[in-house]
Amino acid sequence: MKLAVSQVCSLEASFEKDIEDYAAGGCKVIELWVGKLDTYLERHSEADLLRLLDEHQVTAPVAGFQGGLLSSQGEFRKQHWDAFARRLAQCRSLGIGTLVLAGDVVGPLEQQDLERIQLSLSQAAQLAGEHGVRLALEFQARSAFINNLQSAAAVVAEIGSPHLGICFDAFHYYVGPSKSEDVAYLSAENLFHVQLCDLTGVAREFAADADRVLPGDGDIELSQVAARLREIGYAGCVSVELMNPQIWRIPPRQVGEIALAALAKVVGPGRG
């Protein structure tokens, strides 16, 4: 496994500060946050970004996230898909091999909506494959469809594309309808990315992204997840993803250091 930190953990810092500080703190694998990436590229070229990563010996194999593809219609659908095509081209240019795809499906749904979602996933996977990119579908706890790990695994299996897999987000796993035994649906073939965090002192029904804390500091049974990752020989990225405003105030170097230490305690030491 490759231990990583998502840039969303330092949302208020600049893109350049993230790279410099994370690298200085020993974090050499970063999950890019597309909002920060876009802001950086408004003033810099892709070549500048690649030089920045190379200078600090940092890799960025994953980016999060792409939304709006699955259930949007009409002009909104066209806008989202045009943006998706541009993102895939960008990922190819920057060597980003995996793009997180949000399962952001709003209800109510009818049968034709479910068919449209599956068609969208199939088309998205095909387009991603043409760009040499993998899509990691993130089931979202409060989505109207694909809101749990079992459903995500079933949809990915039904699409049957080598370019579509699962993004396992511990927050959505814990606060949604997933069950602990659902981790058995994770395999070396369908698991493309892992995002870990924890929750403490808040009922899962009321938990929000801002409540996320470091892995191992809360109530989520991450040891079971870690055991499954080892069992299937998962070799991809495991990143810390925290949308906690209190953590945003901490310098990125500190965030990177404590995040990596927390990850190592939960899943064991990573490999480059």
Protein backbone atom coordinates (compact mmCIF):
# COMPACT_ATOMS: atom_id res chain seq x y z
CA MET A 1 0.00 0.00 0.00
CA LYS A 2 1.05 3.55 -0.69
CA LEU A 3 0.31 5.93 2.18
CA ALA A 4 -0.92 9.32 1.00
CA VAL A 5 -2.54 12.57 2.11
CA SER A 6 -5.32 14.36 0.28
CA GLN A 7 -4.84 18.06 -0.37
CA VAL A 8 -8.31 18.68 1.06
CA CYS A 9 -6.71 18.19 4.49
CA SER A 10 -5.00 21.57 3.95
CA LEU A 11 -7.69 23.31 1.99
CA GLU A 12 -6.70 26.83 3.04
CA ALA A 13 -3.04 26.48 2.07
CA SER A 14 -1.77 27.15 -1.43
CA PHE A 15 -1.08 24.34 -3.87
CA GLU A 16 2.64 25.06 -3.79
CA LYS A 17 2.68 25.11 0.02
CA ASP A 18 1.02 21.70 0.10
CA ILE A 19 3.64 20.11 -2.11
CA GLU A 20 6.58 21.71 -0.33
CA ASP A 21 5.32 21.02 3.20
CA TYR A 22 4.01 17.51 2.63
CA ALA A 23 7.32 16.54 1.03
CA ALA A 24 9.28 18.11 3.89
CA GLY A 25 7.20 16.09 6.34
CA GLY A 26 7.94 12.83 4.55
CA CYS A 27 4.74 12.54 2.54
CA LYS A 28 5.74 11.69 -1.01
CA VAL A 29 2.35 10.56 -2.34
CA ILE A 30 -0.46 13.10 -2.60
CA GLU A 31 -4.09 12.84 -3.64
CA LEU A 32 -4.75 15.99 -5.61
CA TRP A 33 -7.91 18.00 -4.91
CA VAL A 34 -9.24 19.19 -8.27
CA GLY A 35 -10.41 22.56 -6.92
CA LYS A 36 -6.88 23.42 -5.80
CA LEU A 37 -5.45 21.95 -8.97
CA ASP A 38 -7.64 24.18 -11.13
CA THR A 39 -6.73 27.28 -9.12
CA TYR A 40 -3.02 26.51 -9.52
CA LEU A 41 -3.38 25.96 -13.27
CA GLU A 42 -5.06 29.34 -13.69
CA ARG A 43 -1.62 30.90 -13.11
CA HIS A 44 0.74 28.09 -14.07
CA SER A 45 1.19 25.54 -16.81
CA GLU A 46 0.99 21.77 -16.51
CA ALA A 47 4.74 21.72 -17.11
CA ASP A 48 5.17 23.96 -14.07
CA LEU A 49 3.19 21.52 -11.98
CA LEU A 50 5.21 18.54 -13.15
CA ARG A 51 8.43 20.40 -12.34
CA LEU A 52 7.10 21.25 -8.87
CA LEU A 53 6.30 17.61 -8.16
CA ASP A 54 9.64 16.46 -9.53
CA GLU A 55 11.56 19.06 -7.53
CA HIS A 56 10.09 17.71 -4.29
CA GLN A 57 10.09 14.07 -5.43
CA VAL A 58 6.34 13.83 -4.95
CA THR A 59 3.93 11.70 -6.98
CA ALA A 60 0.25 12.43 -7.53
CA PRO A 61 -1.36 9.20 -8.77
CA VAL A 62 -4.93 10.05 -7.71
CA ALA A 63 -7.22 13.08 -8.02
CA GLY A 64 -10.58 13.71 -6.40
CA PHE A 65 -13.23 14.27 -7.47
CA GLN A 66 -15.47 14.33 -10.55
CA GLY A 67 -19.17 14.85 -9.88
CA GLY A 68 -22.42 15.40 -11.74
CA LEU A 69 -22.08 12.64 -14.33
CA LEU A 70 -24.55 10.02 -13.23
CA SER A 71 -28.01 11.53 -13.00
CA SER A 72 -27.75 15.00 -14.56
CA GLN A 73 -29.87 15.72 -17.62
CA GLY A 74 -30.20 18.25 -20.42
CA GLU A 75 -27.78 21.16 -20.54
CA PHE A 76 -26.39 20.35 -17.09
CA ARG A 77 -25.43 16.90 -18.31
CA LYS A 78 -23.60 18.33 -21.31
CA GLN A 79 -21.70 20.76 -19.08
CA HIS A 80 -20.63 18.01 -16.68
CA TRP A 81 -19.56 15.66 -19.46
CA ASP A 82 -17.61 18.35 -21.28
CA ALA A 83 -15.81 19.11 -18.01
CA PHE A 84 -15.20 15.38 -17.51
CA ALA A 85 -13.59 15.04 -20.93
CA ARG A 86 -11.29 17.96 -20.16
CA ARG A 87 -10.41 16.45 -16.77
CA LEU A 88 -9.49 13.13 -18.32
CA ALA A 89 -7.21 14.85 -20.82
CA GLN A 90 -5.62 16.73 -17.94
CA CYS A 91 -5.13 13.53 -15.95
CA ARG A 92 -3.42 11.92 -18.91
CA SER A 93 -1.08 14.91 -19.33
CA LEU A 94 -0.19 14.97 -15.64
CA GLY A 95 0.20 11.22 -15.19
CA ILE A 96 -2.77 10.95 -12.82
CA GLY A 97 -3.83 7.34 -13.18
CA THR A 98 -6.97 7.32 -11.02
CA LEU A 99 -9.82 9.82 -10.83
CA VAL A 100 -12.41 9.56 -8.06
CA LEU A 101 -15.97 9.61 -9.42
CA ALA A 102 -18.67 10.73 -7.01
CA GLY A 103 -21.79 8.58 -6.81
CA ASP A 104 -23.86 11.72 -6.31
CA VAL A 105 -27.30 10.50 -7.35
CA VAL A 106 -30.31 12.53 -6.23
CA GLY A 107 -33.82 11.11 -5.93
CA PRO A 108 -36.56 10.23 -6.28
CA LEU A 109 -35.66 7.66 -8.91
CA GLU A 110 -37.58 5.60 -11.42
CA GLN A 111 -36.43 2.56 -13.38
CA GLN A 112 -35.37 4.66 -16.34
CA ASP A 113 -33.19 6.72 -14.01
CA LEU A 114 -31.37 3.59 -12.85
CA GLU A 115 -30.82 2.56 -16.45
CA ARG A 116 -29.49 6.03 -17.26
CA ILE A 117 -27.07 5.86 -14.33
CA GLN A 118 -25.70 2.50 -15.42
CA LEU A 119 -25.34 3.71 -19.00
CA SER A 120 -23.53 6.82 -17.76
CA LEU A 121 -21.12 4.70 -15.74
CA SER A 122 -20.43 2.47 -18.71
CA GLN A 123 -19.81 5.46 -20.98
CA ALA A 124 -17.64 7.18 -18.38
CA ALA A 125 -15.51 4.05 -17.95
CA GLN A 126 -15.07 3.72 -21.70
CA LEU A 127 -14.03 7.36 -22.09
CA ALA A 128 -11.66 7.08 -19.14
CA GLY A 129 -10.07 4.00 -20.65
CA GLU A 130 -9.46 5.87 -23.90
CA HIS A 131 -7.43 8.37 -21.87
CA GLY A 132 -5.56 5.73 -19.89
CA VAL A 133 -7.34 6.68 -16.64
CA ARG A 134 -9.16 4.54 -14.09
CA LEU A 135 -12.36 5.72 -12.41
CA ALA A 136 -12.81 4.97 -8.70
CA LEU A 137 -16.55 5.12 -7.94
CA GLU A 138 -17.17 6.57 -4.48
CA PHE A 139 -20.44 5.36 -2.97
CA GLN A 140 -21.98 8.21 -1.00
CA ALA A 141 -23.97 7.54 2.15
CA ARG A 142 -26.78 9.99 1.48
CA SER A 143 -27.12 9.35 -2.23
CA ALA A 144 -30.39 7.95 -3.58
CA PHE A 145 -28.51 5.10 -5.28
CA ILE A 146 -25.08 3.51 -4.85
CA ASN A 147 -25.03 4.63 -1.22
CA ASN A 148 -23.30 1.55 0.21
CA LEU A 149 -20.38 -0.73 -0.49
CA GLN A 150 -22.46 -3.73 -1.57
CA SER A 151 -24.31 -1.70 -4.20
CA ALA A 152 -21.09 -0.13 -5.45
CA ALA A 153 -19.48 -3.54 -5.84
CA ALA A 154 -22.56 -4.88 -7.65
CA VAL A 155 -22.71 -1.96 -10.09
CA VAL A 156 -18.98 -2.15 -10.82
CA ALA A 157 -19.28 -5.89 -11.45
CA GLU A 158 -22.27 -5.39 -13.74
CA ILE A 159 -20.49 -2.73 -15.81
CA GLY A 160 -17.54 -5.10 -16.05
CA SER A 161 -15.00 -2.55 -17.23
CA PRO A 162 -11.33 -2.75 -16.25
CA HIS A 163 -11.42 1.04 -16.07
CA LEU A 164 -14.09 1.22 -13.34
CA GLY A 165 -13.56 0.24 -9.72
CA ILE A 166 -14.43 1.26 -6.17
CA CYS A 167 -13.26 4.16 -4.05
CA PHE A 168 -13.70 3.08 -0.43
CA ASP A 169 -14.34 6.15 1.73
CA ALA A 170 -14.47 5.27 5.44
CA PHE A 171 -16.83 8.18 6.20
CA HIS A 172 -19.50 7.06 3.74
CA TYR A 173 -18.99 3.44 4.78
CA TYR A 174 -19.64 4.28 8.42
CA VAL A 175 -22.49 6.79 8.24
CA GLY A 176 -24.46 5.07 5.47
CA PRO A 177 -26.28 1.74 5.16
CA SER A 178 -23.14 -0.34 4.58
CA LYS A 179 -22.59 -3.25 6.97
CA SER A 180 -19.32 -4.38 8.49
CA GLU A 181 -19.43 -7.65 6.56
CA ASP A 182 -19.58 -5.70 3.30
CA VAL A 183 -15.80 -5.32 3.32
CA ALA A 184 -15.78 -8.86 1.91
CA TYR A 185 -16.92 -7.34 -1.39
CA LEU A 186 -13.56 -5.58 -1.74
CA SER A 187 -11.09 -7.38 -3.96
CA ALA A 188 -7.73 -6.72 -5.54
CA GLU A 189 -9.55 -6.35 -8.86
CA ASN A 190 -12.35 -3.92 -7.91
CA LEU A 191 -10.66 -1.70 -5.31
CA PHE A 192 -9.00 1.29 -6.98
CA HIS A 193 -8.59 3.76 -4.11
CA VAL A 194 -9.04 4.06 -0.32
CA GLN A 195 -9.78 7.20 1.72
CA LEU A 196 -9.60 6.91 5.49
CA CYS A 197 -10.77 9.12 8.32
CA ASP A 198 -12.54 8.59 11.62
CA LEU A 199 -15.45 9.98 13.62
CA THR A 200 -15.85 10.46 17.33
CA GLY A 201 -18.49 11.91 19.64
CA VAL A 202 -21.15 12.31 16.97
CA ALA A 203 -24.09 10.11 16.02
CA ARG A 204 -23.61 8.75 12.53
CA GLU A 205 -27.04 10.09 11.49
CA PHE A 206 -25.81 13.64 12.11
CA ALA A 207 -22.17 13.26 11.09
CA ALA A 208 -20.87 15.74 8.53
CA ASP A 209 -17.63 15.96 6.58
CA ALA A 210 -16.46 18.65 9.00
CA ASP A 211 -16.55 16.05 11.82
CA ARG A 212 -13.85 13.90 10.25
CA VAL A 213 -10.79 13.24 12.43
CA LEU A 214 -7.58 11.31 11.95
CA PRO A 215 -7.83 7.56 11.34
CA GLY A 216 -7.61 5.66 14.61
CA ASP A 217 -8.88 8.56 16.74
CA GLY A 218 -12.56 7.62 16.63
CA ASP A 219 -15.24 4.95 16.50
CA ILE A 220 -14.96 3.45 13.01
CA GLU A 221 -13.72 -0.14 13.00
CA LEU A 222 -10.81 0.57 10.72
CA SER A 223 -8.90 -2.50 11.90
CA GLN A 224 -11.37 -4.67 10.01
CA VAL A 225 -10.90 -2.59 6.89
CA ALA A 226 -7.11 -2.75 7.23
CA ALA A 227 -7.27 -6.52 7.65
CA ARG A 228 -9.24 -6.84 4.42
CA LEU A 229 -6.75 -4.66 2.55
CA ARG A 230 -3.93 -6.92 3.67
CA GLU A 231 -5.94 -10.04 2.89
CA ILE A 232 -6.51 -9.04 -0.75
CA GLY A 233 -2.98 -7.72 -1.18
CA TYR A 234 -4.15 -4.21 -1.97
CA ALA A 235 -1.25 -2.29 -3.50
CA GLY A 236 -2.89 1.06 -4.31
CA CYS A 237 -3.09 4.33 -2.43
CA VAL A 238 -4.58 4.77 1.01
CA SER A 239 -5.05 8.47 1.69
CA VAL A 240 -6.18 10.50 4.66
CA GLU A 241 -9.13 12.68 3.66
CA LEU A 242 -10.29 15.27 6.19
CA MET A 243 -12.66 18.16 5.43
CA ASN A 244 -12.29 19.49 8.95
CA PRO A 245 -11.92 23.31 9.20
CA GLN A 246 -9.98 22.96 12.45
CA ILE A 247 -7.35 20.87 10.69
CA TRP A 248 -7.16 23.36 7.82
CA ARG A 249 -5.61 25.83 10.27
CA ILE A 250 -2.65 23.53 10.90
CA PRO A 251 0.40 23.98 8.63
CA PRO A 252 0.46 21.35 5.86
CA ARG A 253 3.78 19.92 7.05
CA GLN A 254 2.28 19.08 10.43
CA VAL A 255 -0.86 17.69 8.83
CA GLY A 256 1.20 15.45 6.59
CA GLU A 257 3.36 14.18 9.43
CA ILE A 258 0.49 13.33 11.77
CA ALA A 259 -1.64 11.91 8.95
CA LEU A 260 1.10 9.51 7.85
CA ALA A 261 1.75 8.46 11.43
CA ALA A 262 -1.96 7.79 11.94
CA LEU A 263 -2.18 5.80 8.70
CA ALA A 264 0.84 3.70 9.61
CA LYS A 265 -0.78 2.75 12.93
CA VAL A 266 -4.00 1.70 11.19
CA VAL A 267 -2.80 -0.09 8.06
CA GLY A 268 0.91 -0.58 8.69
CA PRO A 269 3.92 0.98 6.96
CA GLY A 270 3.46 1.80 3.33
CA ARG A 271 5.65 1.19 0.34
CA GLY A 272 6.73 3.69 -2.30
